[in-house]
Amino acid sequence: MKKILLGIGILSFFFLNNLHAQDATVSKMRDDAAGKAIAKDPNDTIPLTWKKGGLFSININQGALSNWAAGGDKSSLSVASLVNLYAFYKKDRLIWDNSLDIAYGFVNTTSLGSRKADDRFDYLSKFGYRLGKGQWYTSALLNFRTQLTKGYTYPGDDPKVLTSGFLAPAYLLISPGITYQPSNNFSVSLSPVTGRWTIVNDKALSAIGAFGVDPGKTIKTEFGAFGSINYKANISENASYIGRLDLFSNYLNNPANIDVYMTNMLLVKVTRLITLSLSLDMIYDDDVKTIDNNSNPAGPKLQIKELMGIGLSYRFKN
């Protein structure tokens, strides 16, 4: 009997000791699960190498008049749409920035019919390799821009005059050089050896030498110096600005007459889905001739386009 009791006592001792060890293990696991005892491995945190996002917006205005004593068109409709996409890559010494802007708008009135108000396709890609530990990069920049549909001018009472179309013109620019980029919001690119090609893929426009191509030709090649400044800023919690300035000097013809391409856009978020937008674009190209009010060719002039609207918008980013 004593041996049996002694055996039971020994088994009880081992059982209680093991139960205490299990309680300690369970307690440690519970603490670890609560984040009290787990040391985070820095190798588990992988920084984003791609930052992607964009904006979709559409503005619509409509009006109708019936027996309106003050006068005006019986009906009017205007639509302006914008798609802005971006994808930025950054890892170690490498950067690769990509952006795509597609804008289209039209106005339709009873007296004037339908007319294009905005039309733009603009793709920009820039690849860079950082020099040393600073903010300077050797870089290569590619830009392609055109419009999607035909465009016309409406000189006085004369019939409308065709002035542009898809790939007429289109501009392709390749620019190796250096880039100063202290942040994702600001960069300056410079190149003394830039190639630019002007494409006029329309027989009627190429026949008259539109946009500087030789009459009957569809491509004009230029070689010169190029500079580009890109800037983005969050003015406030609900307001942001995007700006870009491109300058090009053609070594082969009138290098002092610098071509200018500038875009500016201000976005103000009114509500989660409603945004006020204001854009201002300015272009000066020494090879682009304008048309006066008498339908006669005129010299190059500063081109200005301003659009303002309020409508639905949707932003996204990773």
C-alpha atoms as a PDB file:
ATOM      1  CA  MET A   1       0.000   0.000   0.000  1.00  0.00           C
ATOM      2  CA  LYS A   2       2.830   2.391   0.876  1.00  0.00           C
ATOM      3  CA  LYS A   3       4.471   1.618  -2.471  1.00  0.00           C
ATOM      4  CA  ILE A   4       1.229   2.416  -4.294  1.00  0.00           C
ATOM      5  CA  LEU A   5       0.864   5.756  -2.458  1.00  0.00           C
ATOM      6  CA  LEU A   6       4.523   6.558  -3.115  1.00  0.00           C
ATOM      7  CA  GLY A   7       3.997   5.857  -6.846  1.00  0.00           C
ATOM      8  CA  ILE A   8       0.878   8.031  -6.965  1.00  0.00           C
ATOM      9  CA  GLY A   9       2.798  10.866  -5.239  1.00  0.00           C
ATOM     10  CA  ILE A  10       5.671  10.677  -7.723  1.00  0.00           C
ATOM     11  CA  LEU A  11       3.246  10.714 -10.679  1.00  0.00           C
ATOM     12  CA  SER A  12       1.357  13.667  -9.199  1.00  0.00           C
ATOM     13  CA  PHE A  13       4.598  15.603  -8.782  1.00  0.00           C
ATOM     14  CA  PHE A  14       5.603  15.100 -12.412  1.00  0.00           C
ATOM     15  CA  PHE A  15       2.064  15.891 -13.633  1.00  0.00           C
ATOM     16  CA  LEU A  16       1.847  19.160 -11.681  1.00  0.00           C
ATOM     17  CA  ASN A  17       5.357  20.188 -12.736  1.00  0.00           C
ATOM     18  CA  ASN A  18       4.544  19.487 -16.385  1.00  0.00           C
ATOM     19  CA  LEU A  19       1.243  21.369 -16.100  1.00  0.00           C
ATOM     20  CA  HIS A  20       3.107  24.399 -14.715  1.00  0.00           C
ATOM     21  CA  ALA A  21       5.548  24.281 -17.622  1.00  0.00           C
ATOM     22  CA  GLN A  22       2.645  24.107 -20.094  1.00  0.00           C
ATOM     23  CA  ASP A  23       0.984  27.097 -18.417  1.00  0.00           C
ATOM     24  CA  ALA A  24       4.209  29.060 -18.757  1.00  0.00           C
ATOM     25  CA  THR A  25       4.463  28.104 -22.433  1.00  0.00           C
ATOM     26  CA  VAL A  26       0.844  29.058 -23.142  1.00  0.00           C
ATOM     27  CA  SER A  27       1.331  32.357 -21.316  1.00  0.00           C
ATOM     28  CA  LYS A  28       4.438  33.137 -23.397  1.00  0.00           C
ATOM     29  CA  MET A  29       2.588  32.285 -26.610  1.00  0.00           C
ATOM     30  CA  ARG A  30      -0.278  34.568 -25.592  1.00  0.00           C
ATOM     31  CA  ASP A  31       2.142  37.417 -24.868  1.00  0.00           C
ATOM     32  CA  ASP A  32       3.915  36.874 -28.166  1.00  0.00           C
ATOM     33  CA  ALA A  33       0.597  36.899 -30.050  1.00  0.00           C
ATOM     34  CA  ALA A  34      -0.227  40.224 -28.435  1.00  0.00           C
ATOM     35  CA  GLY A  35       3.032  41.625 -29.783  1.00  0.00           C
ATOM     36  CA  LYS A  36       4.647  41.937 -26.360  1.00  0.00           C
ATOM     37  CA  ALA A  37       7.583  39.639 -26.907  1.00  0.00           C
ATOM     38  CA  ILE A  38       8.050  39.377 -30.697  1.00  0.00           C
ATOM     39  CA  ALA A  39      11.026  41.263 -32.137  1.00  0.00           C
ATOM     40  CA  LYS A  40      10.236  42.383 -35.709  1.00  0.00           C
ATOM     41  CA  ASP A  41      12.754  41.224 -38.250  1.00  0.00           C
ATOM     42  CA  PRO A  42      13.771  44.235 -40.359  1.00  0.00           C
ATOM     43  CA  ASN A  43      14.142  41.911 -43.351  1.00  0.00           C
ATOM     44  CA  ASP A  44      10.380  41.319 -43.222  1.00  0.00           C
ATOM     45  CA  THR A  45       9.724  44.982 -44.179  1.00  0.00           C
ATOM     46  CA  ILE A  46      10.125  45.368 -47.940  1.00  0.00           C
ATOM     47  CA  PRO A  47       9.817  48.966 -49.199  1.00  0.00           C
ATOM     48  CA  LEU A  48       7.569  49.646 -52.172  1.00  0.00           C
ATOM     49  CA  THR A  49       9.541  49.794 -55.407  1.00  0.00           C
ATOM     50  CA  TRP A  50       6.512  50.840 -57.516  1.00  0.00           C
ATOM     51  CA  LYS A  51       4.215  53.700 -56.608  1.00  0.00           C
ATOM     52  CA  LYS A  52       1.168  53.685 -58.865  1.00  0.00           C
ATOM     53  CA  GLY A  53      -1.982  55.722 -59.035  1.00  0.00           C
ATOM     54  CA  GLY A  54      -4.142  58.004 -61.087  1.00  0.00           C
ATOM     55  CA  LEU A  55      -7.105  60.281 -61.497  1.00  0.00           C
ATOM     56  CA  PHE A  56     -10.292  59.965 -63.549  1.00  0.00           C
ATOM     57  CA  SER A  57     -12.539  63.000 -63.873  1.00  0.00           C
ATOM     58  CA  ILE A  58     -15.465  64.147 -66.005  1.00  0.00           C
ATOM     59  CA  ASN A  59     -17.202  67.524 -66.102  1.00  0.00           C
ATOM     60  CA  ILE A  60     -20.626  67.945 -67.773  1.00  0.00           C
ATOM     61  CA  ASN A  61     -22.559  71.169 -68.304  1.00  0.00           C
ATOM     62  CA  GLN A  62     -25.980  71.332 -69.988  1.00  0.00           C
ATOM     63  CA  GLY A  63     -28.418  74.138 -70.674  1.00  0.00           C
ATOM     64  CA  ALA A  64     -31.721  74.653 -72.511  1.00  0.00           C
ATOM     65  CA  LEU A  65     -33.748  77.787 -73.357  1.00  0.00           C
ATOM     66  CA  SER A  66     -37.332  78.147 -74.538  1.00  0.00           C
ATOM     67  CA  ASN A  67     -38.878  81.537 -75.365  1.00  0.00           C
ATOM     68  CA  TRP A  68     -36.102  83.148 -73.340  1.00  0.00           C
ATOM     69  CA  ALA A  69     -36.401  86.929 -73.785  1.00  0.00           C
ATOM     70  CA  ALA A  70     -32.729  87.583 -72.975  1.00  0.00           C
ATOM     71  CA  GLY A  71     -31.688  85.376 -75.888  1.00  0.00           C
ATOM     72  CA  GLY A  72     -29.190  82.587 -76.195  1.00  0.00           C
ATOM     73  CA  ASP A  73     -28.770  79.169 -77.778  1.00  0.00           C
ATOM     74  CA  LYS A  74     -31.716  76.823 -77.467  1.00  0.00           C
ATOM     75  CA  SER A  75     -29.504  74.110 -76.075  1.00  0.00           C
ATOM     76  CA  SER A  76     -25.884  73.642 -75.085  1.00  0.00           C
ATOM     77  CA  LEU A  77     -23.826  70.746 -73.825  1.00  0.00           C
ATOM     78  CA  SER A  78     -20.172  70.600 -72.856  1.00  0.00           C
ATOM     79  CA  VAL A  79     -18.168  67.616 -71.676  1.00  0.00           C
ATOM     80  CA  ALA A  80     -14.561  67.554 -70.459  1.00  0.00           C
ATOM     81  CA  SER A  81     -12.806  64.371 -69.383  1.00  0.00           C
ATOM     82  CA  LEU A  82      -9.336  63.634 -68.033  1.00  0.00           C
ATOM     83  CA  VAL A  83      -7.350  60.490 -67.292  1.00  0.00           C
ATOM     84  CA  ASN A  84      -4.041  60.898 -65.467  1.00  0.00           C
ATOM     85  CA  LEU A  85      -2.007  57.764 -64.681  1.00  0.00           C
ATOM     86  CA  TYR A  86       1.432  57.407 -63.127  1.00  0.00           C
ATOM     87  CA  ALA A  87       3.856  54.644 -62.144  1.00  0.00           C
ATOM     88  CA  PHE A  88       7.096  55.516 -60.325  1.00  0.00           C
ATOM     89  CA  TYR A  89       9.855  52.980 -59.680  1.00  0.00           C
ATOM     90  CA  LYS A  90      12.687  53.537 -57.227  1.00  0.00           C
ATOM     91  CA  LYS A  91      15.171  50.997 -55.911  1.00  0.00           C
ATOM     92  CA  ASP A  92      18.772  51.463 -54.849  1.00  0.00           C
ATOM     93  CA  ARG A  93      20.286  53.751 -57.511  1.00  0.00           C
ATOM     94  CA  LEU A  94      17.586  53.300 -60.126  1.00  0.00           C
ATOM     95  CA  ILE A  95      14.542  55.467 -60.843  1.00  0.00           C
ATOM     96  CA  TRP A  96      11.959  55.068 -63.583  1.00  0.00           C
ATOM     97  CA  ASP A  97       9.092  57.572 -63.736  1.00  0.00           C
ATOM     98  CA  ASN A  98       6.136  57.109 -66.101  1.00  0.00           C
ATOM     99  CA  SER A  99       3.071  59.295 -66.596  1.00  0.00           C
ATOM    100  CA  LEU A 100       0.201  59.318 -69.092  1.00  0.00           C
ATOM    101  CA  ASP A 101      -2.311  62.142 -69.610  1.00  0.00           C
ATOM    102  CA  ILE A 102      -5.362  61.703 -71.847  1.00  0.00           C
ATOM    103  CA  ALA A 103      -7.812  64.598 -72.078  1.00  0.00           C
ATOM    104  CA  TYR A 104     -10.810  65.105 -74.340  1.00  0.00           C
ATOM    105  CA  GLY A 105     -13.653  67.585 -74.370  1.00  0.00           C
ATOM    106  CA  PHE A 106     -16.249  69.044 -76.710  1.00  0.00           C
ATOM    107  CA  VAL A 107     -18.928  71.725 -76.796  1.00  0.00           C
ATOM    108  CA  ASN A 108     -22.224  71.402 -78.649  1.00  0.00           C
ATOM    109  CA  THR A 109     -24.599  74.332 -79.185  1.00  0.00           C
ATOM    110  CA  THR A 110     -27.641  74.833 -81.399  1.00  0.00           C
ATOM    111  CA  SER A 111     -26.068  77.632 -83.453  1.00  0.00           C
ATOM    112  CA  LEU A 112     -22.471  76.369 -83.755  1.00  0.00           C
ATOM    113  CA  GLY A 113     -22.892  72.610 -83.700  1.00  0.00           C
ATOM    114  CA  SER A 114     -20.240  70.404 -82.133  1.00  0.00           C
ATOM    115  CA  ARG A 115     -16.691  71.648 -81.644  1.00  0.00           C
ATOM    116  CA  LYS A 116     -13.690  70.139 -79.937  1.00  0.00           C
ATOM    117  CA  ALA A 117     -12.597  71.929 -76.759  1.00  0.00           C
ATOM    118  CA  ASP A 118      -9.721  69.722 -75.592  1.00  0.00           C
ATOM    119  CA  ASP A 119      -7.741  66.841 -77.058  1.00  0.00           C
ATOM    120  CA  ARG A 120      -4.436  65.585 -75.688  1.00  0.00           C
ATOM    121  CA  PHE A 121      -2.437  62.366 -75.443  1.00  0.00           C
ATOM    122  CA  ASP A 122       0.869  62.789 -73.603  1.00  0.00           C
ATOM    123  CA  TYR A 123       3.168  59.977 -72.446  1.00  0.00           C
ATOM    124  CA  LEU A 124       6.380  60.744 -70.548  1.00  0.00           C
ATOM    125  CA  SER A 125       8.962  58.198 -69.392  1.00  0.00           C
ATOM    126  CA  LYS A 126      12.236  58.956 -67.618  1.00  0.00           C
ATOM    127  CA  PHE A 127      14.887  56.458 -66.524  1.00  0.00           C
ATOM    128  CA  GLY A 128      17.782  57.412 -64.270  1.00  0.00           C
ATOM    129  CA  TYR A 129      20.819  55.981 -62.464  1.00  0.00           C
ATOM    130  CA  ARG A 130      22.014  57.875 -59.401  1.00  0.00           C
ATOM    131  CA  LEU A 131      25.557  59.227 -59.365  1.00  0.00           C
ATOM    132  CA  GLY A 132      27.239  58.780 -55.987  1.00  0.00           C
ATOM    133  CA  LYS A 133      25.188  59.576 -52.896  1.00  0.00           C
ATOM    134  CA  GLY A 134      23.670  62.834 -54.131  1.00  0.00           C
ATOM    135  CA  GLN A 135      20.489  63.616 -56.086  1.00  0.00           C
ATOM    136  CA  TRP A 136      22.018  63.709 -59.582  1.00  0.00           C
ATOM    137  CA  TYR A 137      21.258  60.976 -62.095  1.00  0.00           C
ATOM    138  CA  THR A 138      22.385  60.030 -65.559  1.00  0.00           C
ATOM    139  CA  SER A 139      19.086  59.803 -67.367  1.00  0.00           C
ATOM    140  CA  ALA A 140      17.213  59.100 -70.577  1.00  0.00           C
ATOM    141  CA  LEU A 141      13.860  60.745 -71.271  1.00  0.00           C
ATOM    142  CA  LEU A 142      11.216  59.765 -73.813  1.00  0.00           C
ATOM    143  CA  ASN A 143       8.133  61.822 -74.596  1.00  0.00           C
ATOM    144  CA  PHE A 144       5.348  61.156 -77.088  1.00  0.00           C
ATOM    145  CA  ARG A 145       2.359  63.422 -77.524  1.00  0.00           C
ATOM    146  CA  THR A 146      -0.414  63.861 -80.071  1.00  0.00           C
ATOM    147  CA  GLN A 147      -4.206  64.240 -80.221  1.00  0.00           C
ATOM    148  CA  LEU A 148      -6.942  61.686 -80.849  1.00  0.00           C
ATOM    149  CA  THR A 149      -9.325  63.306 -83.355  1.00  0.00           C
ATOM    150  CA  LYS A 150      -9.380  65.945 -86.085  1.00  0.00           C
ATOM    151  CA  GLY A 151      -9.267  69.598 -85.118  1.00  0.00           C
ATOM    152  CA  TYR A 152     -10.482  72.682 -86.988  1.00  0.00           C
ATOM    153  CA  THR A 153     -10.333  76.445 -86.824  1.00  0.00           C
ATOM    154  CA  TYR A 154     -13.420  78.551 -87.548  1.00  0.00           C
ATOM    155  CA  PRO A 155     -12.284  81.807 -89.197  1.00  0.00           C
ATOM    156  CA  GLY A 156     -15.200  84.236 -89.334  1.00  0.00           C
ATOM    157  CA  ASP A 157     -17.988  83.206 -91.675  1.00  0.00           C
ATOM    158  CA  ASP A 158     -15.729  80.985 -93.791  1.00  0.00           C
ATOM    159  CA  PRO A 159     -15.980  77.199 -93.719  1.00  0.00           C
ATOM    160  CA  LYS A 160     -14.000  75.457 -91.017  1.00  0.00           C
ATOM    161  CA  VAL A 161     -10.352  74.697 -91.807  1.00  0.00           C
ATOM    162  CA  LEU A 162      -8.681  71.402 -90.918  1.00  0.00           C
ATOM    163  CA  THR A 163      -5.653  72.045 -88.705  1.00  0.00           C
ATOM    164  CA  SER A 164      -4.833  68.729 -87.013  1.00  0.00           C
ATOM    165  CA  GLY A 165      -5.697  65.049 -86.693  1.00  0.00           C
ATOM    166  CA  PHE A 166      -4.569  61.806 -85.110  1.00  0.00           C
ATOM    167  CA  LEU A 167      -0.757  61.669 -85.467  1.00  0.00           C
ATOM    168  CA  ALA A 168      -0.945  65.009 -87.285  1.00  0.00           C
ATOM    169  CA  PRO A 169       0.984  66.291 -85.590  1.00  0.00           C
ATOM    170  CA  ALA A 170       2.667  63.867 -83.225  1.00  0.00           C
ATOM    171  CA  TYR A 171       5.923  64.627 -81.449  1.00  0.00           C
ATOM    172  CA  LEU A 172       8.482  62.010 -80.426  1.00  0.00           C
ATOM    173  CA  LEU A 173      11.414  63.186 -78.317  1.00  0.00           C
ATOM    174  CA  ILE A 174      14.376  61.150 -77.043  1.00  0.00           C
ATOM    175  CA  SER A 175      16.734  62.948 -74.678  1.00  0.00           C
ATOM    176  CA  PRO A 176      19.764  61.410 -72.916  1.00  0.00           C
ATOM    177  CA  GLY A 177      21.318  63.678 -70.299  1.00  0.00           C
ATOM    178  CA  ILE A 178      21.384  64.349 -66.564  1.00  0.00           C
ATOM    179  CA  THR A 179      18.593  64.820 -64.032  1.00  0.00           C
ATOM    180  CA  TYR A 180      18.479  66.523 -60.644  1.00  0.00           C
ATOM    181  CA  GLN A 181      15.720  64.942 -58.560  1.00  0.00           C
ATOM    182  CA  PRO A 182      15.809  65.675 -54.822  1.00  0.00           C
ATOM    183  CA  SER A 183      12.294  64.239 -54.336  1.00  0.00           C
ATOM    184  CA  ASN A 184       9.419  62.594 -56.190  1.00  0.00           C
ATOM    185  CA  ASN A 185       7.752  66.016 -56.424  1.00  0.00           C
ATOM    186  CA  PHE A 186      10.490  67.951 -58.248  1.00  0.00           C
ATOM    187  CA  SER A 187      12.963  67.200 -61.024  1.00  0.00           C
ATOM    188  CA  VAL A 188      15.047  69.056 -63.604  1.00  0.00           C
ATOM    189  CA  SER A 189      16.358  67.249 -66.698  1.00  0.00           C
ATOM    190  CA  LEU A 190      18.947  68.702 -69.072  1.00  0.00           C
ATOM    191  CA  SER A 191      20.341  67.390 -72.336  1.00  0.00           C
ATOM    192  CA  PRO A 192      22.598  68.975 -74.983  1.00  0.00           C
ATOM    193  CA  VAL A 193      21.974  66.087 -77.423  1.00  0.00           C
ATOM    194  CA  THR A 194      18.256  65.587 -78.019  1.00  0.00           C
ATOM    195  CA  GLY A 195      16.455  64.210 -81.045  1.00  0.00           C
ATOM    196  CA  ARG A 196      12.914  65.313 -81.857  1.00  0.00           C
ATOM    197  CA  TRP A 197      10.686  64.051 -84.651  1.00  0.00           C
ATOM    198  CA  THR A 198       7.553  65.815 -85.860  1.00  0.00           C
ATOM    199  CA  ILE A 199       5.064  63.493 -87.563  1.00  0.00           C
ATOM    200  CA  VAL A 200       2.237  64.707 -89.819  1.00  0.00           C
ATOM    201  CA  ASN A 201       0.357  61.585 -90.874  1.00  0.00           C
ATOM    202  CA  ASP A 202      -2.284  63.393 -92.946  1.00  0.00           C
ATOM    203  CA  LYS A 203      -1.933  63.906 -96.698  1.00  0.00           C
ATOM    204  CA  ALA A 204      -3.751  67.241 -96.794  1.00  0.00           C
ATOM    205  CA  LEU A 205      -1.718  68.726 -93.961  1.00  0.00           C
ATOM    206  CA  SER A 206       1.636  67.331 -95.098  1.00  0.00           C
ATOM    207  CA  ALA A 207       0.981  68.654 -98.607  1.00  0.00           C
ATOM    208  CA  ILE A 208       0.960  72.238 -97.313  1.00  0.00           C
ATOM    209  CA  GLY A 209       3.975  71.685 -95.030  1.00  0.00           C
ATOM    210  CA  ALA A 210       2.012  71.962 -91.793  1.00  0.00           C
ATOM    211  CA  PHE A 211       3.918  71.956 -88.493  1.00  0.00           C
ATOM    212  CA  GLY A 212       7.240  72.539 -90.199  1.00  0.00           C
ATOM    213  CA  VAL A 213       7.529  69.380 -92.308  1.00  0.00           C
ATOM    214  CA  ASP A 214       8.667  69.766 -95.901  1.00  0.00           C
ATOM    215  CA  PRO A 215       5.611  69.831 -98.243  1.00  0.00           C
ATOM    216  CA  GLY A 216       4.651  66.280 -99.120  1.00  0.00           C
ATOM    217  CA  LYS A 217       6.764  64.788 -96.300  1.00  0.00           C
ATOM    218  CA  THR A 218       5.368  63.196 -93.162  1.00  0.00           C
ATOM    219  CA  ILE A 219       8.366  63.409 -90.791  1.00  0.00           C
ATOM    220  CA  LYS A 220      10.699  66.209 -89.795  1.00  0.00           C
ATOM    221  CA  THR A 221      13.873  65.484 -87.795  1.00  0.00           C
ATOM    222  CA  GLU A 222      15.365  68.022 -85.400  1.00  0.00           C
ATOM    223  CA  PHE A 223      18.489  67.907 -83.218  1.00  0.00           C
ATOM    224  CA  GLY A 224      19.141  70.250 -80.331  1.00  0.00           C
ATOM    225  CA  ALA A 225      19.197  70.996 -76.610  1.00  0.00           C
ATOM    226  CA  PHE A 226      16.362  70.145 -74.252  1.00  0.00           C
ATOM    227  CA  GLY A 227      15.365  71.021 -70.707  1.00  0.00           C
ATOM    228  CA  SER A 228      12.392  69.869 -68.646  1.00  0.00           C
ATOM    229  CA  ILE A 229      11.112  70.894 -65.217  1.00  0.00           C
ATOM    230  CA  ASN A 230       8.432  68.851 -63.427  1.00  0.00           C
ATOM    231  CA  TYR A 231       6.813  69.956 -60.184  1.00  0.00           C
ATOM    232  CA  LYS A 232       4.014  68.649 -57.961  1.00  0.00           C
ATOM    233  CA  ALA A 233       2.768  70.169 -54.726  1.00  0.00           C
ATOM    234  CA  ASN A 234       0.058  69.566 -52.150  1.00  0.00           C
ATOM    235  CA  ILE A 235      -1.081  73.122 -51.478  1.00  0.00           C
ATOM    236  CA  SER A 236      -3.476  72.032 -48.746  1.00  0.00           C
ATOM    237  CA  GLU A 237      -5.298  68.924 -47.624  1.00  0.00           C
ATOM    238  CA  ASN A 238      -7.786  69.344 -50.496  1.00  0.00           C
ATOM    239  CA  ALA A 239      -5.762  71.186 -53.154  1.00  0.00           C
ATOM    240  CA  SER A 240      -2.894  69.997 -55.347  1.00  0.00           C
ATOM    241  CA  TYR A 241      -0.889  71.396 -58.277  1.00  0.00           C
ATOM    242  CA  ILE A 242       0.935  69.689 -61.162  1.00  0.00           C
ATOM    243  CA  GLY A 243       3.174  71.653 -63.540  1.00  0.00           C
ATOM    244  CA  ARG A 244       5.601  70.910 -66.349  1.00  0.00           C
ATOM    245  CA  LEU A 245       7.804  73.112 -68.541  1.00  0.00           C
ATOM    246  CA  ASP A 246       9.681  71.791 -71.608  1.00  0.00           C
ATOM    247  CA  LEU A 247      12.145  73.896 -73.609  1.00  0.00           C
ATOM    248  CA  PHE A 248      13.761  72.852 -76.897  1.00  0.00           C
ATOM    249  CA  SER A 249      16.306  74.621 -79.104  1.00  0.00           C
ATOM    250  CA  ASN A 250      16.856  73.294 -82.625  1.00  0.00           C
ATOM    251  CA  TYR A 251      20.549  73.468 -83.529  1.00  0.00           C
ATOM    252  CA  LEU A 252      19.742  73.009 -87.220  1.00  0.00           C
ATOM    253  CA  ASN A 253      17.374  75.966 -87.664  1.00  0.00           C
ATOM    254  CA  ASN A 254      17.031  79.213 -85.682  1.00  0.00           C
ATOM    255  CA  PRO A 255      18.445  77.869 -82.384  1.00  0.00           C
ATOM    256  CA  ALA A 256      17.623  81.160 -80.628  1.00  0.00           C
ATOM    257  CA  ASN A 257      13.886  80.605 -81.228  1.00  0.00           C
ATOM    258  CA  ILE A 258      13.163  78.257 -78.341  1.00  0.00           C
ATOM    259  CA  ASP A 259      10.084  76.039 -78.459  1.00  0.00           C
ATOM    260  CA  VAL A 260       8.005  76.105 -75.267  1.00  0.00           C
ATOM    261  CA  TYR A 261       5.537  73.517 -73.975  1.00  0.00           C
ATOM    262  CA  MET A 262       3.988  74.250 -70.570  1.00  0.00           C
ATOM    263  CA  THR A 263       1.124  72.592 -68.694  1.00  0.00           C
ATOM    264  CA  ASN A 264      -0.423  73.601 -65.385  1.00  0.00           C
ATOM    265  CA  MET A 265      -3.246  71.945 -63.470  1.00  0.00           C
ATOM    266  CA  LEU A 266      -4.847  72.889 -60.160  1.00  0.00           C
ATOM    267  CA  LEU A 267      -7.198  70.400 -58.502  1.00  0.00           C
ATOM    268  CA  VAL A 268      -9.399  71.265 -55.523  1.00  0.00           C
ATOM    269  CA  LYS A 269     -11.399  68.498 -53.866  1.00  0.00           C
ATOM    270  CA  VAL A 270     -14.863  69.758 -52.914  1.00  0.00           C
ATOM    271  CA  THR A 271     -16.178  66.422 -51.630  1.00  0.00           C
ATOM    272  CA  ARG A 272     -14.931  62.857 -51.843  1.00  0.00           C
ATOM    273  CA  LEU A 273     -16.168  62.524 -55.445  1.00  0.00           C
ATOM    274  CA  ILE A 274     -16.478  66.138 -56.651  1.00  0.00           C
ATOM    275  CA  THR A 275     -13.420  68.109 -57.772  1.00  0.00           C
ATOM    276  CA  LEU A 276     -12.861  71.591 -59.159  1.00  0.00           C
ATOM    277  CA  SER A 277     -10.180  71.648 -61.880  1.00  0.00           C
ATOM    278  CA  LEU A 278      -8.365  74.507 -63.575  1.00  0.00           C
ATOM    279  CA  SER A 279      -5.853  73.900 -66.356  1.00  0.00           C
ATOM    280  CA  LEU A 280      -3.684  76.319 -68.326  1.00  0.00           C
ATOM    281  CA  ASP A 281      -1.542  75.154 -71.259  1.00  0.00           C
ATOM    282  CA  MET A 282       0.842  77.307 -73.284  1.00  0.00           C
ATOM    283  CA  ILE A 283       2.719  76.322 -76.446  1.00  0.00           C
ATOM    284  CA  TYR A 284       5.106  78.221 -78.672  1.00  0.00           C
ATOM    285  CA  ASP A 285       6.587  76.366 -81.641  1.00  0.00           C
ATOM    286  CA  ASP A 286       8.523  78.346 -84.229  1.00  0.00           C
ATOM    287  CA  ASP A 287       7.499  75.854 -86.921  1.00  0.00           C
ATOM    288  CA  VAL A 288       3.752  76.021 -86.296  1.00  0.00           C
ATOM    289  CA  LYS A 289       1.996  78.614 -88.424  1.00  0.00           C
ATOM    290  CA  THR A 290      -1.402  79.971 -87.398  1.00  0.00           C
ATOM    291  CA  ILE A 291      -4.413  81.116 -89.459  1.00  0.00           C
ATOM    292  CA  ASP A 292      -5.816  84.637 -89.204  1.00  0.00           C
ATOM    293  CA  ASN A 293      -9.477  85.682 -89.317  1.00  0.00           C
ATOM    294  CA  ASN A 294      -9.379  85.821 -93.117  1.00  0.00           C
ATOM    295  CA  SER A 295      -8.227  82.198 -93.444  1.00  0.00           C
ATOM    296  CA  ASN A 296      -4.743  83.322 -94.464  1.00  0.00           C
ATOM    297  CA  PRO A 297      -1.567  81.697 -93.073  1.00  0.00           C
ATOM    298  CA  ALA A 298       0.057  83.719 -90.288  1.00  0.00           C
ATOM    299  CA  GLY A 299       3.317  83.429 -88.382  1.00  0.00           C
ATOM    300  CA  PRO A 300       3.922  81.440 -85.197  1.00  0.00           C
ATOM    301  CA  LYS A 301       2.168  82.754 -82.098  1.00  0.00           C
ATOM    302  CA  LEU A 302       1.845  81.813 -78.462  1.00  0.00           C
ATOM    303  CA  GLN A 303      -0.937  79.229 -78.126  1.00  0.00           C
ATOM    304  CA  ILE A 304      -2.979  79.368 -74.911  1.00  0.00           C
ATOM    305  CA  LYS A 305      -5.661  76.979 -73.689  1.00  0.00           C
ATOM    306  CA  GLU A 306      -7.556  77.457 -70.424  1.00  0.00           C
ATOM    307  CA  LEU A 307     -10.214  75.112 -69.063  1.00  0.00           C
ATOM    308  CA  MET A 308     -12.137  75.223 -65.800  1.00  0.00           C
ATOM    309  CA  GLY A 309     -14.794  72.822 -64.600  1.00  0.00           C
ATOM    310  CA  ILE A 310     -16.341  71.015 -61.695  1.00  0.00           C
ATOM    311  CA  GLY A 311     -17.475  67.430 -61.820  1.00  0.00           C
ATOM    312  CA  LEU A 312     -17.011  63.869 -60.706  1.00  0.00           C
ATOM    313  CA  SER A 313     -13.532  62.529 -60.027  1.00  0.00           C
ATOM    314  CA  TYR A 314     -11.944  59.398 -58.645  1.00  0.00           C
ATOM    315  CA  ARG A 315      -8.393  59.034 -57.331  1.00  0.00           C
ATOM    316  CA  PHE A 316      -6.541  55.832 -56.580  1.00  0.00           C
ATOM    317  CA  LYS A 317      -3.038  54.801 -55.504  1.00  0.00           C
ATOM    318  CA  ASN A 318      -1.250  51.853 -53.950  1.00  0.00           C
END
